[in-house]
Protein backbone atom coordinates (compact mmCIF):
# COMPACT_ATOMS: atom_id res chain seq x y z
CA UNK A 1 -75.77 5.82 7.54
CA UNK A 2 -77.08 8.78 9.51
CA UNK A 3 -75.97 12.37 8.90
CA UNK A 4 -72.90 13.94 10.48
CA UNK A 5 -75.12 16.41 12.35
CA UNK A 6 -78.65 15.81 13.58
CA UNK A 7 -81.10 18.22 15.19
CA UNK A 8 -83.07 17.84 18.40
CA UNK A 9 -86.22 17.47 16.27
CA UNK A 10 -84.62 14.58 14.38
CA UNK A 11 -83.59 12.86 17.59
CA UNK A 12 -87.07 13.23 19.08
CA UNK A 13 -88.53 11.64 15.96
CA UNK A 14 -86.09 8.71 15.97
CA UNK A 15 -85.54 8.13 19.67
CA UNK A 16 -87.63 4.94 19.70
CA UNK A 17 -85.39 3.25 17.09
CA UNK A 18 -84.14 0.07 18.84
CA UNK A 19 -80.72 0.43 17.20
CA UNK A 20 -80.26 4.03 18.36
CA UNK A 21 -77.87 4.67 21.25
CA UNK A 22 -77.39 8.15 22.72
CA UNK A 23 -73.95 8.90 24.16
CA UNK A 24 -73.39 11.66 26.71
CA UNK A 25 -69.88 13.09 26.25
CA UNK A 26 -70.33 15.90 28.79
CA UNK A 27 -67.36 16.72 31.00
CA UNK A 28 -67.48 18.01 34.56
CA UNK A 29 -64.68 20.47 33.82
CA UNK A 30 -62.43 21.52 30.96
CA UNK A 31 -59.19 23.42 30.47
CA UNK A 32 -61.00 26.06 28.44
CA UNK A 33 -62.95 27.06 31.54
CA UNK A 34 -66.38 26.73 29.92
CA UNK A 35 -69.23 26.13 32.34
CA UNK A 36 -72.90 25.21 32.16
CA UNK A 37 -75.84 25.85 34.46
CA UNK A 38 -77.71 22.74 33.34
CA UNK A 39 -76.82 20.76 36.46
CA UNK A 40 -76.32 17.01 36.13
CA UNK A 41 -79.25 16.12 33.89
CA UNK A 42 -78.81 13.96 30.82
CA UNK A 43 -80.98 13.06 27.85
CA UNK A 44 -83.29 10.22 28.88
CA UNK A 45 -81.64 6.80 28.46
CA UNK A 46 -78.28 8.27 27.44
CA UNK A 47 -75.12 6.30 28.17
CA UNK A 48 -72.11 8.07 29.65
CA UNK A 49 -69.11 8.25 27.32
CA UNK A 50 -66.29 9.21 29.67
CA UNK A 51 -63.53 10.68 27.51
CA UNK A 52 -61.15 11.54 30.33
CA UNK A 53 -61.28 8.48 32.57
CA UNK A 54 -62.20 5.62 30.23
CA UNK A 55 -61.71 6.60 26.59
CA UNK A 56 -58.24 8.15 26.89
CA UNK A 57 -54.93 6.33 27.21
CA UNK A 58 -53.99 6.65 30.89
CA UNK A 59 -50.42 5.54 30.15
CA UNK A 60 -49.78 8.55 27.89
CA UNK A 61 -47.90 11.64 29.06
CA UNK A 62 -50.44 13.79 27.24
CA UNK A 63 -54.15 14.40 27.92
CA UNK A 64 -56.97 12.93 25.81
CA UNK A 65 -54.66 10.52 23.96
CA UNK A 66 -56.59 8.10 21.75
CA UNK A 67 -57.02 4.58 23.09
CA UNK A 68 -55.58 1.60 21.26
CA UNK A 69 -58.09 -0.05 18.91
CA UNK A 70 -58.19 -3.09 21.19
CA UNK A 71 -58.99 -1.06 24.30
CA UNK A 72 -61.53 1.09 22.44
CA UNK A 73 -63.34 -2.02 21.22
CA UNK A 74 -63.55 -3.46 24.73
CA UNK A 75 -64.93 -0.25 26.23
CA UNK A 76 -67.50 0.15 23.46
CA UNK A 77 -68.69 -3.40 24.04
CA UNK A 78 -68.99 -2.55 27.74
CA UNK A 79 -71.30 0.32 26.72
CA UNK A 80 -73.51 -2.11 24.84
CA UNK A 81 -72.59 -0.73 21.43
CA UNK A 82 -73.13 -3.12 18.53
CA UNK A 83 -71.85 -3.30 14.97
CA UNK A 84 -75.37 -2.33 13.85
CA UNK A 85 -75.88 0.52 16.32
CA UNK A 86 -76.79 4.05 15.28
CA UNK A 87 -75.01 6.50 17.58
CA UNK A 88 -75.84 10.08 18.47
CA UNK A 89 -73.38 11.88 20.74
CA UNK A 90 -73.93 15.16 22.57
CA UNK A 91 -72.45 17.26 25.36
CA UNK A 92 -73.75 19.80 27.85
CA UNK A 93 -72.03 22.84 26.29
CA UNK A 94 -73.81 22.72 22.95
CA UNK A 95 -70.84 21.64 20.87
CA UNK A 96 -67.57 21.01 22.69
CA UNK A 97 -66.49 17.45 23.52
CA UNK A 98 -69.00 15.59 21.33
CA UNK A 99 -67.04 16.06 18.05
CA UNK A 100 -64.06 14.34 19.68
CA UNK A 101 -66.21 11.25 20.26
CA UNK A 102 -67.53 11.42 16.69
CA UNK A 103 -63.94 11.52 15.44
CA UNK A 104 -62.86 8.62 17.67
CA UNK A 105 -65.47 6.35 16.14
CA UNK A 106 -64.54 7.48 12.63
CA UNK A 107 -60.88 6.63 13.33
CA UNK A 108 -61.97 3.24 14.62
CA UNK A 109 -63.77 2.54 11.35
CA UNK A 110 -67.33 3.14 12.55
CA UNK A 111 -69.26 5.67 10.47
CA UNK A 112 -72.82 5.37 11.77
CA UNK A 113 -72.51 8.20 14.27
CA UNK A 114 -73.86 11.75 14.45
CA UNK A 115 -73.33 14.77 16.66
CA UNK A 116 -76.42 16.41 18.17
CA UNK A 117 -76.13 19.99 16.96
CA UNK A 118 -76.71 22.28 19.94
CA UNK A 119 -76.29 19.43 22.41
CA UNK A 120 -78.11 19.28 25.72
CA UNK A 121 -78.95 23.03 25.85
CA UNK A 122 -80.87 22.82 22.57
CA UNK A 123 -82.47 19.51 23.54
CA UNK A 124 -83.85 21.05 26.72
CA UNK A 125 -84.92 24.23 24.90
CA UNK A 126 -86.90 22.08 22.44
CA UNK A 127 -88.65 20.22 25.24
CA UNK A 128 -86.70 16.98 25.03
CA UNK A 129 -86.98 14.51 27.90
CA UNK A 130 -84.17 14.46 30.48
CA UNK A 131 -83.38 12.52 33.61
CA UNK A 132 -81.00 12.70 36.56
CA UNK A 133 -77.64 11.29 35.47
CA UNK A 134 -77.59 7.56 36.16
CA UNK A 135 -76.27 4.34 34.72
CA UNK A 136 -78.52 2.10 32.65
CA UNK A 137 -78.37 -1.66 32.33
CA UNK A 138 -77.69 -3.14 28.90
CA UNK A 139 -76.23 -6.25 27.30
CA UNK A 140 -72.60 -6.40 26.22
CA UNK A 141 -72.22 -5.17 22.65
CA UNK A 142 -70.69 -6.66 19.51
CA UNK A 143 -68.71 -3.56 18.46
CA UNK A 144 -65.62 -4.20 16.30
CA UNK A 145 -62.90 -1.71 15.38
CA UNK A 146 -61.29 -1.24 11.98
CA UNK A 147 -58.53 1.24 12.81
CA UNK A 148 -57.94 3.97 10.22
CA UNK A 149 -54.30 4.70 11.07
CA UNK A 150 -53.90 7.44 8.46
CA UNK A 151 -56.39 9.70 10.23
CA UNK A 152 -54.11 10.17 13.27
CA UNK A 153 -50.77 11.97 13.11
CA UNK A 154 -47.94 11.98 15.63
CA UNK A 155 -45.08 14.30 16.52
CA UNK A 156 -42.62 12.83 14.01
CA UNK A 157 -45.07 13.25 11.16
CA UNK A 158 -45.72 16.90 12.05
CA UNK A 159 -41.98 17.51 12.37
CA UNK A 160 -41.33 16.09 8.89
CA UNK A 161 -44.23 18.11 7.55
CA UNK A 162 -42.33 21.31 8.41
CA UNK A 163 -40.09 20.55 5.44
CA UNK A 164 -42.38 18.64 3.11
CA UNK A 165 -45.42 20.87 3.74
CA UNK A 166 -47.58 18.12 2.28
CA UNK A 167 -50.33 19.10 4.71
CA UNK A 168 -51.67 22.30 6.23
CA UNK A 169 -51.84 22.35 10.03
CA UNK A 170 -54.91 24.15 11.39
CA UNK A 171 -54.78 25.18 15.06
CA UNK A 172 -58.17 25.42 16.79
CA UNK A 173 -57.00 27.32 19.88
CA UNK A 174 -57.99 30.94 20.48
CA UNK A 175 -56.09 33.63 18.58
CA UNK A 176 -54.51 34.86 21.82
CA UNK A 177 -53.17 31.40 22.63
CA UNK A 178 -52.04 30.77 19.06
CA UNK A 179 -50.13 34.06 19.03
CA UNK A 180 -48.67 33.48 22.49
CA UNK A 181 -50.35 36.53 24.01
CA UNK A 182 -51.77 34.71 27.02
CA UNK A 183 -50.52 31.76 29.12
CA UNK A 184 -51.53 28.24 28.22
CA UNK A 185 -54.14 26.76 30.59
CA UNK A 186 -51.77 23.89 31.41
CA UNK A 187 -49.31 25.18 33.99
CA UNK A 188 -45.75 25.50 32.75
CA UNK A 189 -46.55 24.83 29.10
CA UNK A 190 -44.79 27.30 26.82
CA UNK A 191 -46.66 29.61 24.50
CA UNK A 192 -46.62 29.73 20.72
CA UNK A 193 -47.65 27.67 17.71
CA UNK A 194 -46.42 25.06 15.25
CA UNK A 195 -44.46 26.73 12.42
CA UNK A 196 -46.42 27.25 9.19
CA UNK A 197 -49.72 26.48 10.90
CA UNK A 198 -52.80 28.67 10.53
CA UNK A 199 -55.34 29.60 13.18
CA UNK A 200 -59.06 28.87 12.97
CA UNK A 201 -60.35 29.12 16.55
CA UNK A 202 -63.06 26.56 17.16
CA UNK A 203 -65.40 29.35 18.28
CA UNK A 204 -65.27 30.68 14.71
CA UNK A 205 -67.15 27.67 13.33
CA UNK A 206 -69.90 27.91 15.96
CA UNK A 207 -72.74 30.28 16.71
CA UNK A 208 -74.90 30.07 19.84
CA UNK A 209 -73.80 26.52 20.59
CA UNK A 210 -74.40 25.17 17.08
CA UNK A 211 -72.36 24.88 13.91
CA UNK A 212 -72.63 27.79 11.52
CA UNK A 213 -74.35 27.31 8.17
CA UNK A 214 -72.52 25.46 5.42
CA UNK A 215 -72.31 28.70 3.45
CA UNK A 216 -70.61 30.48 6.35
CA UNK A 217 -68.25 27.59 6.98
CA UNK A 218 -67.25 27.35 3.34
CA UNK A 219 -66.54 31.09 3.25
CA UNK A 220 -64.38 30.73 6.35
CA UNK A 221 -62.27 27.85 5.02
CA UNK A 222 -61.98 29.37 1.56
CA UNK A 223 -60.55 32.54 3.10
CA UNK A 224 -57.47 30.47 3.96
CA UNK A 225 -57.21 29.03 0.43
CA UNK A 226 -57.08 25.45 1.68
CA UNK A 227 -57.80 24.16 -1.87
CA UNK A 228 -57.19 20.39 -2.03
CA UNK A 229 -54.39 20.35 0.54
CA UNK A 230 -54.57 17.60 3.20
CA UNK A 231 -55.55 19.16 6.52
CA UNK A 232 -54.18 18.30 9.96
CA UNK A 233 -56.09 19.72 12.91
CA UNK A 234 -54.44 20.57 16.23
CA UNK A 235 -55.38 22.41 19.43
CA UNK A 236 -54.26 22.13 23.05
CA UNK A 237 -54.84 18.41 23.55
CA UNK A 238 -56.77 17.09 20.55
CA UNK A 239 -60.28 17.92 21.77
CA UNK A 240 -61.40 21.17 20.15
CA UNK A 241 -59.41 20.33 17.01
CA UNK A 242 -62.19 17.84 16.32
CA UNK A 243 -64.76 20.66 16.31
CA UNK A 244 -63.02 22.41 13.42
CA UNK A 245 -62.39 19.09 11.67
CA UNK A 246 -66.10 18.26 11.84
CA UNK A 247 -66.96 21.73 10.51
CA UNK A 248 -64.63 21.12 7.57
CA UNK A 249 -66.21 17.70 7.01
CA UNK A 250 -69.51 19.46 6.32
CA UNK A 251 -68.12 21.52 3.42
CA UNK A 252 -64.70 20.24 2.28
CA UNK A 253 -63.54 17.07 0.54
CA UNK A 254 -59.91 17.48 1.65
CA UNK A 255 -58.20 14.64 3.47
CA UNK A 256 -58.55 15.35 7.20
CA UNK A 257 -56.36 14.19 10.08
CA UNK A 258 -55.82 14.99 13.77
CA UNK A 259 -52.50 15.65 15.47
CA UNK A 260 -53.47 13.82 18.64
CA UNK A 261 -50.70 15.18 20.86
CA UNK A 262 -51.41 18.72 19.65
CA UNK A 263 -49.74 21.74 21.24
CA UNK A 264 -49.28 20.04 24.62
CA UNK A 265 -46.95 17.48 23.03
CA UNK A 266 -45.29 19.82 20.52
CA UNK A 267 -44.48 22.48 23.13
CA UNK A 268 -42.76 19.92 25.35
CA UNK A 269 -40.75 18.17 22.63
CA UNK A 270 -39.61 21.23 20.67
CA UNK A 271 -37.57 23.82 22.53
């Protein structure tokens, strides 16, 4: 099994591995308003992993909702992903949407996936080969899901957790959004946070488009005295929560889960 994070140097040295598949999780736009000046290039031979239009449940009222295991399996086969594949996922912002893809595969029972630390910006800076974004031809894959239901939490679970407090909810939104000081990027969505949750903005686990050192991350999480408490990560719509979850995966052994509906769902269901 490959590491959770890999560097551009590692990818350059392993790019000829016939089992290696590179997934491009870049998004044209995002609610956070982050932009890139890298144009529409992609890492050579990368396959587009479209979170918004293909790998999210279009029937859901909420954005970025996880696909059913059956639908996820079909779409992965369509991308030519096999049971024996080694996956590396990246995005064009350094680290933004790629951890969400990493988490999706973990939830679906597939562990042989890494995030490219620094993403496309670092790849280009290190002289990695790129190409104009295009679709590649490949055979249908043999990917099979093994859904890990306990890694995804819903509204009812979070509501019950207010009383049981069996888990600590960590909100990855900015401090201003968490504290209700600025409007939510989704029009009409109320401000605030889930009661008893703590705030670790996803930007706090990153530095210059890469994850901070393990020492820095451990210091950050220890400052909140997380101990052995199960952790549930939330954000606006389940995307940046995965950044903080991945950071915790590097240094903590706590049980880790995602509240997939996140603040968008909670704010609409709780008055």
